[in-house]
C-alpha atoms as a PDB file:
ATOM      1  CA  MET A   1       2.766 -49.195  31.972  1.00  0.00           C
ATOM      2  CA  ALA A   2       3.227 -48.461  28.232  1.00  0.00           C
ATOM      3  CA  ASN A   3      -0.660 -48.060  27.922  1.00  0.00           C
ATOM      4  CA  ILE A   4      -0.458 -44.868  30.011  1.00  0.00           C
ATOM      5  CA  LEU A   5       0.743 -43.125  26.847  1.00  0.00           C
ATOM      6  CA  GLU A   6      -1.082 -44.999  24.059  1.00  0.00           C
ATOM      7  CA  SER A   7      -3.499 -42.078  23.501  1.00  0.00           C
ATOM      8  CA  VAL A   8      -0.948 -39.305  23.318  1.00  0.00           C
ATOM      9  CA  ASP A   9      -1.442 -38.850  19.554  1.00  0.00           C
ATOM     10  CA  GLN A  10      -5.056 -37.977  20.185  1.00  0.00           C
ATOM     11  CA  HIS A  11      -4.130 -35.054  22.405  1.00  0.00           C
ATOM     12  CA  THR A  12      -1.965 -33.070  19.921  1.00  0.00           C
ATOM     13  CA  GLN A  13      -4.928 -30.753  19.322  1.00  0.00           C
ATOM     14  CA  LEU A  14      -4.396 -29.286  22.769  1.00  0.00           C
ATOM     15  CA  VAL A  15      -1.219 -27.579  21.679  1.00  0.00           C
ATOM     16  CA  GLY A  16      -2.021 -24.193  20.069  1.00  0.00           C
ATOM     17  CA  GLU A  17      -4.959 -23.894  22.428  1.00  0.00           C
ATOM     18  CA  ASN A  18      -2.700 -22.818  25.371  1.00  0.00           C
ATOM     19  CA  ARG A  19      -3.280 -26.242  26.897  1.00  0.00           C
ATOM     20  CA  LEU A  20      -0.813 -29.008  27.909  1.00  0.00           C
ATOM     21  CA  GLU A  21      -0.725 -32.519  29.317  1.00  0.00           C
ATOM     22  CA  LEU A  22       1.628 -33.537  32.097  1.00  0.00           C
ATOM     23  CA  LEU A  23       2.891 -36.909  33.036  1.00  0.00           C
ATOM     24  CA  LEU A  24       3.040 -37.201  36.851  1.00  0.00           C
ATOM     25  CA  PHE A  25       5.635 -39.228  38.637  1.00  0.00           C
ATOM     26  CA  ARG A  26       7.494 -39.510  41.935  1.00  0.00           C
ATOM     27  CA  ILE A  27      11.108 -39.691  42.742  1.00  0.00           C
ATOM     28  CA  ASN A  28      10.509 -39.730  46.476  1.00  0.00           C
ATOM     29  CA  SER A  29       7.522 -40.358  48.803  1.00  0.00           C
ATOM     30  CA  THR A  30       6.599 -36.809  49.407  1.00  0.00           C
ATOM     31  CA  GLN A  31       6.792 -34.784  46.212  1.00  0.00           C
ATOM     32  CA  LEU A  32       4.970 -35.024  42.900  1.00  0.00           C
ATOM     33  CA  PHE A  33       6.923 -34.138  39.753  1.00  0.00           C
ATOM     34  CA  ALA A  34       5.912 -33.766  36.063  1.00  0.00           C
ATOM     35  CA  ILE A  35       7.085 -33.361  32.530  1.00  0.00           C
ATOM     36  CA  ASN A  36       5.227 -32.570  29.331  1.00  0.00           C
ATOM     37  CA  VAL A  37       3.688 -35.648  27.688  1.00  0.00           C
ATOM     38  CA  PHE A  38       4.737 -34.449  24.214  1.00  0.00           C
ATOM     39  CA  LYS A  39       8.431 -35.050  25.134  1.00  0.00           C
ATOM     40  CA  VAL A  40       7.742 -38.626  26.334  1.00  0.00           C
ATOM     41  CA  LYS A  41       8.164 -41.503  23.925  1.00  0.00           C
ATOM     42  CA  GLU A  42       7.130 -44.310  26.371  1.00  0.00           C
ATOM     43  CA  VAL A  43       7.175 -45.421  29.989  1.00  0.00           C
ATOM     44  CA  VAL A  44       8.601 -48.862  30.904  1.00  0.00           C
ATOM     45  CA  LYS A  45       9.613 -50.845  33.956  1.00  0.00           C
ATOM     46  CA  LEU A  46      13.401 -50.364  34.570  1.00  0.00           C
ATOM     47  CA  PRO A  47      15.167 -52.937  32.457  1.00  0.00           C
ATOM     48  CA  ARG A  48      18.595 -54.398  33.170  1.00  0.00           C
ATOM     49  CA  LEU A  49      21.282 -51.704  32.823  1.00  0.00           C
ATOM     50  CA  SER A  50      24.794 -51.958  31.432  1.00  0.00           C
ATOM     51  CA  GLN A  51      27.393 -49.841  33.082  1.00  0.00           C
ATOM     52  CA  MET A  52      29.214 -47.174  31.090  1.00  0.00           C
ATOM     53  CA  PRO A  53      32.679 -46.529  32.611  1.00  0.00           C
ATOM     54  CA  GLY A  54      33.755 -42.843  32.674  1.00  0.00           C
ATOM     55  CA  SER A  55      30.220 -41.528  32.224  1.00  0.00           C
ATOM     56  CA  HIS A  56      28.638 -38.648  34.134  1.00  0.00           C
ATOM     57  CA  PRO A  57      27.917 -39.565  37.827  1.00  0.00           C
ATOM     58  CA  CYS A  58      24.205 -39.089  37.263  1.00  0.00           C
ATOM     59  CA  ILE A  59      24.157 -41.646  34.409  1.00  0.00           C
ATOM     60  CA  SER A  60      23.064 -44.965  36.060  1.00  0.00           C
ATOM     61  CA  GLY A  61      23.846 -46.995  32.935  1.00  0.00           C
ATOM     62  CA  VAL A  62      22.548 -47.813  29.560  1.00  0.00           C
ATOM     63  CA  ALA A  63      19.276 -49.480  28.777  1.00  0.00           C
ATOM     64  CA  ASN A  64      18.695 -51.727  25.615  1.00  0.00           C
ATOM     65  CA  ILE A  65      15.137 -50.776  24.452  1.00  0.00           C
ATOM     66  CA  ARG A  66      14.314 -52.891  21.332  1.00  0.00           C
ATOM     67  CA  GLY A  67      17.843 -52.804  20.050  1.00  0.00           C
ATOM     68  CA  THR A  68      18.536 -49.155  20.851  1.00  0.00           C
ATOM     69  CA  SER A  69      21.079 -48.177  23.511  1.00  0.00           C
ATOM     70  CA  ILE A  70      19.583 -45.383  25.741  1.00  0.00           C
ATOM     71  CA  PRO A  71      21.525 -43.612  28.518  1.00  0.00           C
ATOM     72  CA  VAL A  72      19.551 -43.657  31.849  1.00  0.00           C
ATOM     73  CA  ILE A  73      19.789 -40.496  33.986  1.00  0.00           C
ATOM     74  CA  ASN A  74      19.107 -40.936  37.694  1.00  0.00           C
ATOM     75  CA  LEU A  75      16.747 -37.965  37.879  1.00  0.00           C
ATOM     76  CA  ARG A  76      16.636 -37.759  41.654  1.00  0.00           C
ATOM     77  CA  GLN A  77      20.429 -37.481  41.758  1.00  0.00           C
ATOM     78  CA  ALA A  78      20.514 -35.032  38.789  1.00  0.00           C
ATOM     79  CA  ILE A  79      18.277 -32.506  40.641  1.00  0.00           C
ATOM     80  CA  GLY A  80      20.301 -32.589  43.852  1.00  0.00           C
ATOM     81  CA  PHE A  81      18.786 -35.369  46.031  1.00  0.00           C
ATOM     82  CA  LYS A  82      20.337 -38.752  47.020  1.00  0.00           C
ATOM     83  CA  PRO A  83      20.500 -41.194  44.037  1.00  0.00           C
ATOM     84  CA  MET A  84      17.423 -43.311  43.464  1.00  0.00           C
ATOM     85  CA  PRO A  85      18.015 -47.040  44.030  1.00  0.00           C
ATOM     86  CA  LEU A  86      17.606 -49.441  41.173  1.00  0.00           C
ATOM     87  CA  ASP A  87      14.826 -51.738  42.377  1.00  0.00           C
ATOM     88  CA  GLY A  88      11.510 -53.252  41.513  1.00  0.00           C
ATOM     89  CA  ASP A  89       9.665 -50.042  42.060  1.00  0.00           C
ATOM     90  CA  SER A  90      11.743 -48.069  39.482  1.00  0.00           C
ATOM     91  CA  ASN A  91      10.384 -47.029  36.138  1.00  0.00           C
ATOM     92  CA  LEU A  92      11.981 -45.488  33.022  1.00  0.00           C
ATOM     93  CA  ILE A  93      10.528 -42.460  31.303  1.00  0.00           C
ATOM     94  CA  ILE A  94      12.049 -42.446  27.828  1.00  0.00           C
ATOM     95  CA  THR A  95      12.105 -38.922  26.347  1.00  0.00           C
ATOM     96  CA  GLU A  96      13.273 -37.034  23.268  1.00  0.00           C
ATOM     97  CA  TYR A  97      14.852 -33.616  23.926  1.00  0.00           C
ATOM     98  CA  ASN A  98      17.008 -31.540  21.686  1.00  0.00           C
ATOM     99  CA  ARG A  99      17.204 -34.248  19.033  1.00  0.00           C
ATOM    100  CA  SER A 100      18.483 -36.877  21.565  1.00  0.00           C
ATOM    101  CA  VAL A 101      16.794 -39.780  23.347  1.00  0.00           C
ATOM    102  CA  GLN A 102      17.428 -40.503  26.964  1.00  0.00           C
ATOM    103  CA  GLY A 103      15.682 -42.287  29.825  1.00  0.00           C
ATOM    104  CA  PHE A 104      14.894 -40.828  33.281  1.00  0.00           C
ATOM    105  CA  LEU A 105      14.965 -43.211  36.166  1.00  0.00           C
ATOM    106  CA  VAL A 106      11.926 -42.434  38.378  1.00  0.00           C
ATOM    107  CA  GLY A 107       9.758 -44.116  40.966  1.00  0.00           C
ATOM    108  CA  LYS A 108       6.098 -44.502  40.680  1.00  0.00           C
ATOM    109  CA  VAL A 109       4.496 -43.208  37.477  1.00  0.00           C
ATOM    110  CA  GLU A 110       0.994 -41.723  38.393  1.00  0.00           C
ATOM    111  CA  HIS A 111      -1.139 -40.683  35.518  1.00  0.00           C
ATOM    112  CA  ILE A 112      -1.643 -37.904  32.955  1.00  0.00           C
ATOM    113  CA  ILE A 113      -3.400 -34.561  33.715  1.00  0.00           C
ATOM    114  CA  ASN A 114      -4.763 -32.139  31.198  1.00  0.00           C
ATOM    115  CA  MET A 115      -4.729 -28.449  32.071  1.00  0.00           C
ATOM    116  CA  ASN A 116      -4.473 -24.922  30.793  1.00  0.00           C
ATOM    117  CA  TRP A 117      -1.085 -23.113  30.700  1.00  0.00           C
ATOM    118  CA  ASN A 118      -2.593 -20.264  32.731  1.00  0.00           C
ATOM    119  CA  GLU A 119      -2.944 -22.744  35.652  1.00  0.00           C
ATOM    120  CA  VAL A 120       0.797 -23.191  35.579  1.00  0.00           C
ATOM    121  CA  MET A 121       2.927 -20.816  37.692  1.00  0.00           C
ATOM    122  CA  PRO A 122       6.563 -19.939  37.369  1.00  0.00           C
ATOM    123  CA  PRO A 123       8.778 -20.788  40.382  1.00  0.00           C
ATOM    124  CA  PRO A 124       8.924 -18.083  43.075  1.00  0.00           C
ATOM    125  CA  GLN A 125      11.373 -15.301  42.144  1.00  0.00           C
ATOM    126  CA  ASN A 126      13.205 -15.682  45.492  1.00  0.00           C
ATOM    127  CA  ALA A 127      13.866 -19.286  44.856  1.00  0.00           C
ATOM    128  CA  GLY A 128      17.311 -18.460  43.399  1.00  0.00           C
ATOM    129  CA  HIS A 129      18.837 -19.656  40.183  1.00  0.00           C
ATOM    130  CA  ASN A 130      19.965 -23.190  41.127  1.00  0.00           C
ATOM    131  CA  HIS A 131      16.672 -24.950  41.350  1.00  0.00           C
ATOM    132  CA  TYR A 132      15.572 -27.445  38.637  1.00  0.00           C
ATOM    133  CA  LEU A 133      11.968 -26.327  38.022  1.00  0.00           C
ATOM    134  CA  THR A 134      10.477 -24.381  35.097  1.00  0.00           C
ATOM    135  CA  ALA A 135       7.074 -24.113  36.731  1.00  0.00           C
ATOM    136  CA  LEU A 136       4.645 -25.201  39.437  1.00  0.00           C
ATOM    137  CA  THR A 137       1.037 -26.208  39.427  1.00  0.00           C
ATOM    138  CA  LYS A 138      -1.612 -27.472  41.808  1.00  0.00           C
ATOM    139  CA  LEU A 139      -3.506 -30.801  41.637  1.00  0.00           C
ATOM    140  CA  GLN A 140      -6.646 -31.497  43.544  1.00  0.00           C
ATOM    141  CA  GLN A 141      -6.438 -35.028  44.974  1.00  0.00           C
ATOM    142  CA  GLN A 142      -9.727 -35.928  46.614  1.00  0.00           C
ATOM    143  CA  ASP A 143      -9.706 -33.996  49.929  1.00  0.00           C
ATOM    144  CA  ARG A 144      -6.312 -32.371  49.515  1.00  0.00           C
ATOM    145  CA  THR A 145      -4.293 -30.137  47.136  1.00  0.00           C
ATOM    146  CA  GLU A 146      -0.899 -31.341  46.056  1.00  0.00           C
ATOM    147  CA  LEU A 147       1.814 -29.190  44.546  1.00  0.00           C
ATOM    148  CA  VAL A 148       3.307 -30.453  41.313  1.00  0.00           C
ATOM    149  CA  SER A 149       6.874 -29.472  40.352  1.00  0.00           C
ATOM    150  CA  ILE A 150       7.618 -29.330  36.579  1.00  0.00           C
ATOM    151  CA  ILE A 151      11.212 -30.363  35.881  1.00  0.00           C
ATOM    152  CA  ASP A 152      13.510 -28.118  33.884  1.00  0.00           C
ATOM    153  CA  VAL A 153      14.843 -30.865  31.724  1.00  0.00           C
ATOM    154  CA  GLU A 154      16.853 -28.307  29.662  1.00  0.00           C
ATOM    155  CA  LYS A 155      18.913 -27.511  32.773  1.00  0.00           C
ATOM    156  CA  VAL A 156      19.335 -31.206  33.784  1.00  0.00           C
ATOM    157  CA  LEU A 157      20.595 -32.161  30.315  1.00  0.00           C
ATOM    158  CA  ALA A 158      22.856 -29.146  29.992  1.00  0.00           C
ATOM    159  CA  GLU A 159      24.682 -30.065  33.161  1.00  0.00           C
ATOM    160  CA  ILE A 160      25.294 -33.628  31.930  1.00  0.00           C
ATOM    161  CA  ILE A 161      25.817 -32.977  28.184  1.00  0.00           C
ATOM    162  CA  ARG A 162      27.519 -29.578  28.411  1.00  0.00           C
ATOM    163  CA  TYR A 163      26.306 -27.875  25.177  1.00  0.00           C
ATOM    164  CA  ASN A 164      28.888 -25.871  23.334  1.00  0.00           C
ATOM    165  CA  VAL A 165      27.849 -22.459  22.045  1.00  0.00           C
ATOM    166  CA  LYS A 166      31.052 -21.686  20.137  1.00  0.00           C
ATOM    167  CA  LEU A 167      30.278 -20.889  16.596  1.00  0.00           C
ATOM    168  CA  ASP A 168      31.808 -22.352  13.400  1.00  0.00           C
ATOM    169  CA  ALA A 169      33.655 -19.327  11.938  1.00  0.00           C
ATOM    170  CA  SER A 170      33.299 -20.706   8.450  1.00  0.00           C
ATOM    171  CA  LYS A 171      29.615 -20.334   8.555  1.00  0.00           C
ATOM    172  CA  LEU A 172      29.653 -16.652   9.462  1.00  0.00           C
ATOM    173  CA  ASP A 173      28.945 -14.116   6.712  1.00  0.00           C
ATOM    174  CA  GLU A 174      31.497 -11.418   7.253  1.00  0.00           C
ATOM    175  CA  SER A 175      29.544  -8.980   5.090  1.00  0.00           C
ATOM    176  CA  LEU A 176      26.599  -9.082   7.530  1.00  0.00           C
ATOM    177  CA  LEU A 177      28.521  -8.832  10.904  1.00  0.00           C
ATOM    178  CA  THR A 178      28.562  -4.972  10.902  1.00  0.00           C
ATOM    179  CA  GLN A 179      24.835  -4.802   9.977  1.00  0.00           C
ATOM    180  CA  MET A 180      23.969  -7.128  12.896  1.00  0.00           C
ATOM    181  CA  GLN A 181      25.694  -5.070  15.538  1.00  0.00           C
ATOM    182  CA  GLY A 182      23.099  -3.864  18.056  1.00  0.00           C
ATOM    183  CA  ARG A 183      20.063  -5.252  16.312  1.00  0.00           C
ATOM    184  CA  LYS A 184      17.549  -6.494  18.877  1.00  0.00           C
ATOM    185  CA  VAL A 185      16.306 -10.033  19.288  1.00  0.00           C
ATOM    186  CA  LEU A 186      13.585 -11.047  21.792  1.00  0.00           C
ATOM    187  CA  ILE A 187      14.129 -14.557  23.393  1.00  0.00           C
ATOM    188  CA  VAL A 188      11.030 -16.144  25.115  1.00  0.00           C
ATOM    189  CA  ASP A 189      11.647 -19.238  27.126  1.00  0.00           C
ATOM    190  CA  ASP A 190      10.627 -20.446  30.664  1.00  0.00           C
ATOM    191  CA  SER A 191      14.034 -22.254  31.006  1.00  0.00           C
ATOM    192  CA  ALA A 192      16.786 -19.894  32.138  1.00  0.00           C
ATOM    193  CA  THR A 193      19.307 -22.426  30.789  1.00  0.00           C
ATOM    194  CA  ALA A 194      17.701 -22.406  27.326  1.00  0.00           C
ATOM    195  CA  ARG A 195      17.713 -18.567  27.353  1.00  0.00           C
ATOM    196  CA  HIS A 196      21.289 -18.478  28.316  1.00  0.00           C
ATOM    197  CA  GLN A 197      22.222 -20.849  25.518  1.00  0.00           C
ATOM    198  CA  VAL A 198      20.538 -18.654  22.871  1.00  0.00           C
ATOM    199  CA  ARG A 199      21.724 -15.428  24.465  1.00  0.00           C
ATOM    200  CA  ASP A 200      25.352 -16.512  24.570  1.00  0.00           C
ATOM    201  CA  THR A 201      25.151 -17.698  20.969  1.00  0.00           C
ATOM    202  CA  LEU A 202      23.633 -14.429  19.557  1.00  0.00           C
ATOM    203  CA  ARG A 203      25.871 -12.084  21.512  1.00  0.00           C
ATOM    204  CA  GLN A 204      28.854 -13.623  19.626  1.00  0.00           C
ATOM    205  CA  ILE A 205      27.585 -11.828  16.499  1.00  0.00           C
ATOM    206  CA  GLY A 206      26.831  -8.499  18.192  1.00  0.00           C
ATOM    207  CA  LEU A 207      23.079  -8.826  18.680  1.00  0.00           C
ATOM    208  CA  GLU A 208      21.296  -7.140  21.592  1.00  0.00           C
ATOM    209  CA  VAL A 209      19.245  -9.721  23.455  1.00  0.00           C
ATOM    210  CA  ILE A 210      15.970  -9.015  25.314  1.00  0.00           C
ATOM    211  CA  GLU A 211      14.642 -11.883  27.476  1.00  0.00           C
ATOM    212  CA  ALA A 212      11.087 -12.924  28.612  1.00  0.00           C
ATOM    213  CA  CYS A 213      10.415 -15.994  30.674  1.00  0.00           C
ATOM    214  CA  ASP A 214       6.886 -16.777  29.328  1.00  0.00           C
ATOM    215  CA  GLY A 215       4.578 -15.871  26.534  1.00  0.00           C
ATOM    216  CA  GLN A 216       2.440 -13.531  28.517  1.00  0.00           C
ATOM    217  CA  GLN A 217       5.419 -11.480  29.635  1.00  0.00           C
ATOM    218  CA  ALA A 218       6.670 -11.250  26.045  1.00  0.00           C
ATOM    219  CA  LEU A 219       3.221 -10.142  24.762  1.00  0.00           C
ATOM    220  CA  ASP A 220       2.898  -7.570  27.486  1.00  0.00           C
ATOM    221  CA  LEU A 221       6.374  -6.227  26.640  1.00  0.00           C
ATOM    222  CA  LEU A 222       5.569  -5.980  22.914  1.00  0.00           C
ATOM    223  CA  ARG A 223       2.149  -4.348  23.539  1.00  0.00           C
ATOM    224  CA  SER A 224       3.708  -1.815  25.838  1.00  0.00           C
ATOM    225  CA  TRP A 225       6.377  -1.054  23.223  1.00  0.00           C
ATOM    226  CA  CYS A 226       3.609  -0.561  20.599  1.00  0.00           C
ATOM    227  CA  ASP A 227       1.597   1.673  22.968  1.00  0.00           C
ATOM    228  CA  LYS A 228       4.592   4.021  23.319  1.00  0.00           C
ATOM    229  CA  GLY A 229       4.823   4.319  19.545  1.00  0.00           C
ATOM    230  CA  GLY A 230       7.456   1.614  18.848  1.00  0.00           C
ATOM    231  CA  LYS A 231       7.590   0.017  15.448  1.00  0.00           C
ATOM    232  CA  ILE A 232       8.095  -3.638  16.455  1.00  0.00           C
ATOM    233  CA  PRO A 233       8.968  -5.131  12.993  1.00  0.00           C
ATOM    234  CA  ASP A 234      11.450  -2.336  12.408  1.00  0.00           C
ATOM    235  CA  GLU A 235      13.075  -2.297  15.878  1.00  0.00           C
ATOM    236  CA  ILE A 236      13.142  -6.082  16.646  1.00  0.00           C
ATOM    237  CA  LEU A 237      14.967  -8.284  14.120  1.00  0.00           C
ATOM    238  CA  MET A 238      13.100 -11.364  15.282  1.00  0.00           C
ATOM    239  CA  MET A 239      11.535 -13.137  18.189  1.00  0.00           C
ATOM    240  CA  ILE A 240      12.842 -16.578  19.190  1.00  0.00           C
ATOM    241  CA  THR A 241      10.266 -18.405  21.286  1.00  0.00           C
ATOM    242  CA  ASP A 242       9.962 -21.800  22.939  1.00  0.00           C
ATOM    243  CA  ALA A 243       6.658 -23.734  22.488  1.00  0.00           C
ATOM    244  CA  GLU A 244       5.667 -24.729  26.029  1.00  0.00           C
ATOM    245  CA  MET A 245       5.706 -22.075  28.778  1.00  0.00           C
ATOM    246  CA  PRO A 246       3.668 -21.084  31.826  1.00  0.00           C
ATOM    247  CA  LYS A 247       0.755 -18.572  31.425  1.00  0.00           C
ATOM    248  CA  MET A 248       0.940 -18.534  27.568  1.00  0.00           C
ATOM    249  CA  ASP A 249       2.693 -20.940  25.329  1.00  0.00           C
ATOM    250  CA  GLY A 250       4.586 -20.028  22.142  1.00  0.00           C
ATOM    251  CA  TYR A 251       1.841 -20.956  19.762  1.00  0.00           C
ATOM    252  CA  ARG A 252      -0.758 -18.766  21.568  1.00  0.00           C
ATOM    253  CA  LEU A 253       1.861 -15.952  21.715  1.00  0.00           C
ATOM    254  CA  THR A 254       2.373 -16.200  17.911  1.00  0.00           C
ATOM    255  CA  HIS A 255      -1.377 -16.219  17.422  1.00  0.00           C
ATOM    256  CA  GLU A 256      -1.805 -13.047  19.465  1.00  0.00           C
ATOM    257  CA  ILE A 257       1.050 -11.228  17.641  1.00  0.00           C
ATOM    258  CA  ARG A 258      -0.327 -12.134  14.209  1.00  0.00           C
ATOM    259  CA  ASN A 259      -3.712 -10.675  15.152  1.00  0.00           C
ATOM    260  CA  ASP A 260      -2.305  -7.330  16.341  1.00  0.00           C
ATOM    261  CA  LYS A 261      -1.644  -5.257  13.167  1.00  0.00           C
ATOM    262  CA  ARG A 262       0.978  -3.119  14.941  1.00  0.00           C
ATOM    263  CA  MET A 263       3.319  -6.152  15.084  1.00  0.00           C
ATOM    264  CA  ALA A 264       1.730  -8.764  12.907  1.00  0.00           C
ATOM    265  CA  SER A 265       4.818  -8.853  10.543  1.00  0.00           C
ATOM    266  CA  LEU A 266       7.278  -9.652  13.295  1.00  0.00           C
ATOM    267  CA  PHE A 267       9.608 -12.492  12.228  1.00  0.00           C
ATOM    268  CA  ILE A 268       9.014 -15.348  14.625  1.00  0.00           C
ATOM    269  CA  VAL A 269      11.190 -18.397  15.125  1.00  0.00           C
ATOM    270  CA  LEU A 270       9.882 -21.409  17.096  1.00  0.00           C
ATOM    271  CA  ASN A 271      12.881 -22.834  18.928  1.00  0.00           C
ATOM    272  CA  THR A 272      11.869 -25.951  20.913  1.00  0.00           C
ATOM    273  CA  SER A 273      12.881 -29.398  21.987  1.00  0.00           C
ATOM    274  CA  LEU A 274       9.607 -30.928  20.908  1.00  0.00           C
ATOM    275  CA  SER A 275       9.498 -33.185  17.771  1.00  0.00           C
ATOM    276  CA  GLY A 276      10.249 -31.598  14.511  1.00  0.00           C
ATOM    277  CA  SER A 277       7.494 -33.141  12.358  1.00  0.00           C
ATOM    278  CA  PHE A 278       4.789 -32.091  14.892  1.00  0.00           C
ATOM    279  CA  ASN A 279       6.147 -28.534  15.157  1.00  0.00           C
ATOM    280  CA  ASN A 280       6.435 -28.059  11.397  1.00  0.00           C
ATOM    281  CA  ALA A 281       2.704 -28.577  11.251  1.00  0.00           C
ATOM    282  CA  MET A 282       2.079 -26.223  14.231  1.00  0.00           C
ATOM    283  CA  VAL A 283       4.375 -23.580  12.668  1.00  0.00           C
ATOM    284  CA  GLU A 284       2.189 -23.578   9.571  1.00  0.00           C
ATOM    285  CA  LYS A 285      -1.005 -23.533  11.644  1.00  0.00           C
ATOM    286  CA  VAL A 286      -0.186 -20.551  13.942  1.00  0.00           C
ATOM    287  CA  GLY A 287       1.921 -18.640  11.564  1.00  0.00           C
ATOM    288  CA  CYS A 288       5.618 -18.809  12.713  1.00  0.00           C
ATOM    289  CA  ASP A 289       8.260 -18.040  10.099  1.00  0.00           C
ATOM    290  CA  ARG A 290      10.780 -20.756  10.979  1.00  0.00           C
ATOM    291  CA  PHE A 291      11.085 -23.822  13.214  1.00  0.00           C
ATOM    292  CA  ILE A 292      14.484 -24.813  14.760  1.00  0.00           C
ATOM    293  CA  SER A 293      14.877 -27.722  17.119  1.00  0.00           C
ATOM    294  CA  LYS A 294      17.141 -27.102  20.102  1.00  0.00           C
ATOM    295  CA  PHE A 295      20.023 -26.629  20.566  1.00  0.00           C
ATOM    296  CA  GLN A 296      21.781 -25.757  17.299  1.00  0.00           C
ATOM    297  CA  PRO A 297      23.852 -22.542  17.616  1.00  0.00           C
ATOM    298  CA  ASP A 298      25.112 -22.555  14.056  1.00  0.00           C
ATOM    299  CA  LEU A 299      21.620 -22.964  12.743  1.00  0.00           C
ATOM    300  CA  LEU A 300      20.358 -20.182  14.915  1.00  0.00           C
ATOM    301  CA  VAL A 301      23.014 -17.802  13.518  1.00  0.00           C
ATOM    302  CA  GLU A 302      22.301 -18.908   9.979  1.00  0.00           C
ATOM    303  CA  THR A 303      18.599 -18.083  10.560  1.00  0.00           C
ATOM    304  CA  VAL A 304      19.614 -14.627  11.751  1.00  0.00           C
ATOM    305  CA  GLN A 305      21.875 -14.229   8.559  1.00  0.00           C
ATOM    306  CA  GLN A 306      19.055 -15.398   6.281  1.00  0.00           C
ATOM    307  CA  ARG A 307      16.707 -12.812   7.897  1.00  0.00           C
ATOM    308  CA  MET A 308      19.290 -10.098   7.382  1.00  0.00           C
ATOM    309  CA  ARG A 309      19.597 -10.979   3.698  1.00  0.00           C
ATOM    310  CA  GLN A 310      15.837 -11.053   3.399  1.00  0.00           C
ATOM    311  CA  LEU A 311      15.562  -7.517   4.870  1.00  0.00           C
ATOM    312  CA  ALA A 312      18.301  -6.333   2.534  1.00  0.00           C
ATOM    313  CA  LYS A 313      16.320  -7.397  -0.564  1.00  0.00           C
ATOM    314  CA  ALA A 314      13.057  -5.829   0.725  1.00  0.00           C
END
């Protein structure tokens, strides 16, 4: 099973080309689910679990993987279905999100597919706000087409970990608070949960938040603003974007902005749960100004403050 991911390092060139790879798996017999390969460390058969009294109901236990204790989340239960049984058909997808490692209990792990982000669709707008998907795509399986549901892991983890957006008052620069009131920040993320975390953080310091749910929507908004005579670098303090999104990823979005002279100098922060070392290289390649791994409210605010100081010196 581990061999299914042994070639992941060879695929990093896909990021930045508006492409992605998805690891497909099942948590029931009828639906096919997926997560991005770049967030997966390995896939193993479900090992023996140790119980953790007092833990969240969706935590099935703790797995010992080569000396490291990893909490195991029953993914089927976490997204609203009956809990998945712990049996011989179970597998563990070990992932790294938001600087933490966890395992997701799933059933059969299928294979990896390679596709373009423009083949990935956001969930229907009339699906409500309580679903656990960031996107959908279609997979052609011999004589039939199967719908693939891409899990919103940010939402799953937020409901289990309960991230705190309260700021450390000691890290706020009082001399900048007045200057930040009403300044605009564009947030781009396909996860509503992730957008809300950033929005609720930045509103505490008086910033006006504009939201987009994918790179294409953000680019269309910025171009429309420019077409109407707007001065993007002057009117928007910064853009904070996720890396992986339907239609257009954050790397391609940054590339498009940098190649439009009307907004090329917009300050861009890449805010993602993908690995830091990989993204530091991608930030340099596509031209982002800063990389912040999710979710660090104090670091987000410090980045805003640094940008304000930078503008004051200009």
